[in-house]
Protein backbone atom coordinates (compact mmCIF):
# COMPACT_ATOMS: atom_id res chain seq x y z
CA MET A 1 0.00 0.16 0.05
CA ALA A 2 1.27 3.38 -0.98
CA SER A 3 0.70 6.54 0.92
CA ASN A 4 1.17 10.13 -0.57
CA TYR A 5 1.37 13.18 1.80
CA SER A 6 1.90 16.77 0.96
CA TRP A 7 1.55 20.10 2.77
CA ASN A 8 0.99 23.64 1.41
CA THR A 9 1.08 26.27 3.97
CA ASN A 10 1.39 30.15 4.48
CA TYR A 11 2.39 32.03 7.58
CA LEU A 12 2.37 35.56 8.56
CA GLY A 13 4.78 37.04 11.10
CA PHE A 14 7.51 39.27 12.20
CA GLN A 15 11.27 38.38 11.87
CA GLY A 16 14.46 39.86 13.21
CA VAL A 17 17.94 38.86 12.23
CA VAL A 18 21.44 39.78 13.57
CA THR A 19 24.44 39.19 11.16
CA PHE A 20 28.07 39.26 12.61
CA SER A 21 30.82 39.50 10.32
CA LEU A 22 33.37 36.64 10.82
CA LEU A 23 35.63 37.58 7.95
CA ASP A 24 35.75 40.70 5.73
CA VAL A 25 38.71 40.55 3.48
CA GLY A 26 39.02 44.05 1.89
CA ARG A 27 41.40 43.23 -0.75
CA SER A 28 39.94 40.26 -1.98
CA ASN A 29 36.41 41.47 -1.78
CA PHE A 30 35.15 38.31 0.06
CA GLY A 31 33.12 38.44 3.35
CA LEU A 32 31.71 35.76 5.56
CA GLY A 33 28.96 36.22 8.26
CA ILE A 34 26.85 34.18 10.82
CA ASN A 35 23.25 35.04 11.40
CA PHE A 36 21.12 34.77 14.66
CA GLY A 37 17.47 35.43 14.86
CA ALA A 38 13.84 34.51 15.53
CA ASN A 39 10.38 35.07 14.34
CA LEU A 40 6.93 34.98 15.47
CA ASN A 41 4.32 33.62 13.08
CA HIS A 42 0.67 32.41 12.48
CA ILE A 43 -0.80 30.22 9.94
CA VAL A 44 -2.83 32.16 7.55
CA ASN A 45 -3.96 29.31 5.29
CA GLY A 46 -2.73 25.82 4.53
CA GLN A 47 -3.80 22.46 3.17
CA GLN A 48 -2.64 18.78 3.73
CA LYS A 49 -3.02 16.10 1.22
CA ILE A 50 -3.33 12.53 2.26
CA ASN A 51 -4.00 9.82 -0.47
CA GLY A 52 -6.09 12.55 -2.50
CA GLN A 53 -8.10 13.69 0.30
CA THR A 54 -7.32 17.40 1.20
CA TYR A 55 -7.77 18.83 4.74
CA ASP A 56 -7.88 22.58 5.80
CA LEU A 57 -5.13 22.83 8.22
CA THR A 58 -6.24 26.41 9.73
CA ASN A 59 -9.06 24.18 11.26
CA GLU A 60 -6.73 21.96 13.25
CA VAL A 61 -6.01 23.04 16.76
CA GLU A 62 -2.48 21.81 16.44
CA PHE A 63 -1.77 24.44 13.83
CA SER A 64 -3.59 27.25 15.62
CA GLY A 65 -1.91 29.71 17.69
CA ILE A 66 1.45 31.35 17.64
CA PHE A 67 4.74 29.78 16.51
CA ILE A 68 8.17 31.02 17.40
CA GLN A 69 11.05 30.11 15.03
CA PRO A 70 14.60 30.64 16.17
CA LEU A 71 17.31 30.38 13.39
CA ILE A 72 21.04 30.14 12.81
CA GLY A 73 22.86 30.61 9.35
CA LEU A 74 25.87 31.31 7.55
CA ASP A 75 26.41 33.63 4.36
CA ALA A 76 29.22 34.39 2.12
CA ARG A 77 29.49 37.47 -0.16
CA TYR A 78 31.75 38.62 -3.03
CA TYR A 79 31.78 42.32 -3.79
CA ILE A 80 31.66 43.05 -7.38
CA PHE A 81 31.85 46.85 -6.87
CA LYS A 82 32.28 48.84 -3.59
CA ASN A 83 28.55 48.95 -3.16
CA LEU A 84 27.29 45.71 -5.02
CA ALA A 85 27.89 42.36 -3.90
CA ILE A 86 26.60 38.84 -4.64
CA GLY A 87 25.95 36.12 -2.13
CA ILE A 88 24.97 32.75 -1.08
CA GLY A 89 23.74 31.71 2.36
CA TYR A 90 22.04 28.83 4.43
CA ARG A 91 19.72 29.02 7.53
CA TYR A 92 18.40 26.36 9.75
CA SER A 93 15.46 26.95 11.95
CA LYS A 94 12.90 25.25 13.92
CA ASN A 95 9.21 26.40 13.98
CA ILE A 96 7.85 25.66 17.50
CA GLY A 97 4.00 26.01 18.32
CA PHE A 98 3.88 27.22 21.97
CA THR A 99 0.19 28.87 22.21
CA ASN A 100 -2.20 26.18 20.97
CA SER A 101 -4.29 24.20 23.63
CA SER A 102 -3.95 20.85 22.09
CA PRO A 103 -1.90 18.05 23.95
CA GLN A 104 -0.12 17.36 20.61
CA LYS A 105 2.42 19.90 19.88
CA LEU A 106 3.90 20.51 16.48
CA ASP A 107 7.30 21.81 15.34
CA PHE A 108 8.90 21.91 11.89
CA ASP A 109 12.47 21.94 10.90
CA ASN A 110 13.28 24.16 8.12
CA SER A 111 16.27 24.58 5.88
CA GLN A 112 16.58 27.56 3.51
CA LEU A 113 19.24 28.06 0.72
CA GLN A 114 19.50 31.85 -0.28
CA PHE A 115 20.82 33.55 -3.29
CA LYS A 116 21.55 37.24 -2.81
CA ILE A 117 22.16 40.40 -4.46
CA ILE A 118 23.50 43.19 -1.74
CA MET A 119 23.44 46.75 -2.44
CA SER A 120 24.64 49.14 0.08
CA HIS A 121 24.72 52.93 0.40
CA ASN A 122 27.83 54.56 2.13
């Protein structure tokens, strides 16, 4: 017997991230940083599909309430010009539900690969 699961969700929230420079090599135009942060979010819509059946996740108490999502990441950047850089980054986070009244608590592990264009104004 085969089972097919899929989830499609959207969350709305606020995020704060602090980036610390680990390496900033001026002459080579290369930089490396570490990110720490957190966000608070709430599901605005979502569907779960199990073997062709669709369920509205916004009606499930496990998905209700506010989630907190601590994160950590690394990024690298290469300055093409003084005020323009390209970069790549990776972030890992865990979305943890902490305000719902359900005995079953949900949390989600997330990985994010980022491709960046960084413009600065001096």
